[in-house]
Amino acid sequence: MRCEVVAVGTELLLGQIVDTNSAWIGEQLALAGIDSHFQTKVGDNHARMVSVLRLALERSDAVIVCGGLGPTQDDITREAIAEVMGVSLELDEAAASRIEAMFSGRGRRMPMNNLRQAEVPVGATAIADPQPGTAPGLICPVAGTGDPTRPGSEKVIYAVPGVPREMKVLVGEVIVPDLVRRSGVSSTIVSRTLRTWGESESGLAERLAPRVAELDRRFDAGEGGSVTIAYLASGIEGIKVRLTAKAADTVTAEALLAEEEAEVRAELGDLVFGVNDETIEASVLSLLRARGLTLGVAESLTGGLMGARICDVPGASDVFRGSIVSYASDVKFSVLGVPAGPVVTAEAAMAMATGARRVLGSDVAVAVTGVAGPDPQEGIAPGTVYVGLDLGDVDGPKGVEAFEVKLPGGRAEVRQFSVITAMNALRTRLLLCQPDGG
């Protein structure tokens, strides 16, 4: 069973609204084991909507149309579906009564154009939102598209409102179960994302190429379950390695993912810092907590961004002592004890880390200084960043150290990349230390 998603609305194409509905629907289809190979956005234009729907029906068994079911003149999803089905619209009396009751129950007069929402293509079924939305969803079988020897096998178009709250109820409670019933197959698709930092997308692909080849071989030979590996460059969040398993049930799929995660981690090692939504800040805080250590931060070009990201992690207060935003050079000198002179150097980064550890009373500290751009500073190119670490008396690598990196992008990207680079440096050093000083 293949199901395509079509999001309707000119505002989506203009970038006025971000299409989060399609992403959510895609996730629900995957969890139900329904393949979804295409997602399309189309504006409020009748001819283009008809064209998109016909194309979707050519390559998929079902289509979920999201949006365009309102009462105004630009809400034309019903009309487009009716044309694709080759039928006219008719008033669904039950749907009309529900809409009228909703308005009267709120003590409001119903504008007559709201009755447009009760019009359905002939042969379609209106599905009521159990929550108080006015637009009913639609289940629209498309005659002549199924297997003549299998009654009820025709392709189908579903229509749901664009309001996320209403859409989620109809998709989750009505449409996905109907798709599962029509498919006749019980399966699920589950994904797990490994988050990495320190290697390029092409570098990760090269390292994992033998594993991908082995998975392809197993699939072609019909050995075991189906697992795939994909890559997603996510900017300031690093490179994500997505593992996806398709199996008869969730337990089997999760077991396949666990096995594959172990294989990938064996190859990538410490490049992996988190799973799914785990940020690098959360990973660092967990390592510090396990070792009974506290953290101090000194920031220059990041201007408090590192501290803010650390504070986004619930429970950070038991580890994080604070951040000193020493943006001006004289603050570096007077507060952190950085020696007078250039402040975009390895020596300055080390002195900042040591100063932060002393002033904040933390066990370890990390510091960043550099040039965010867009212009050079004292002859230093934008993107030049120094990270300093002071691990104090922590078991493992001792003393103070610093290193230079050249980061890409504009001012905002350099600042964000500085944070994850500094956090990753601290993470990798902590991994060399034994918990509890053992």
Foldseek 3Di string as FASTA:
>chain_A
DEEEEEEEAVCCVVVVDPPPVRVVLVQLCQQFVHHYDYYYYDYLDLVVLLVVVVVRVVVGQEYEYEALLALDPSSCPQVSVLVNLVFDKDFDVVLQVLLCCLQVVVVHDDDPSLSSLRIHTPPKDWADQPDPDSHTKIKAFRPPQADPVDPPLGGIYIYWYNPVVSRCRCSVPPVSVVVSVNVVAGKHKDKKKFFFDDDDPVRLCVLCVVVQVVLVVCVVVVHDWHKHWDWDADQLRHIIIMIMTMGRHDVSRVVVVVVVVVVSCVRVPLRGQDMDPDGLLNSLLVLCVLQVWAEFEEEALLQCVLVVVNVVDPPSVSHYLYYHHCHDPVCLCPQQVQDPDDCQDFSNQQSNFNSRCVVSVTQKYKYKDDALDPDADPPHHHQKMKMKIANDPFPADHGIGMDIDRDDDHSVSSSSNRSSVRSSVSSVRSVRGDHNND
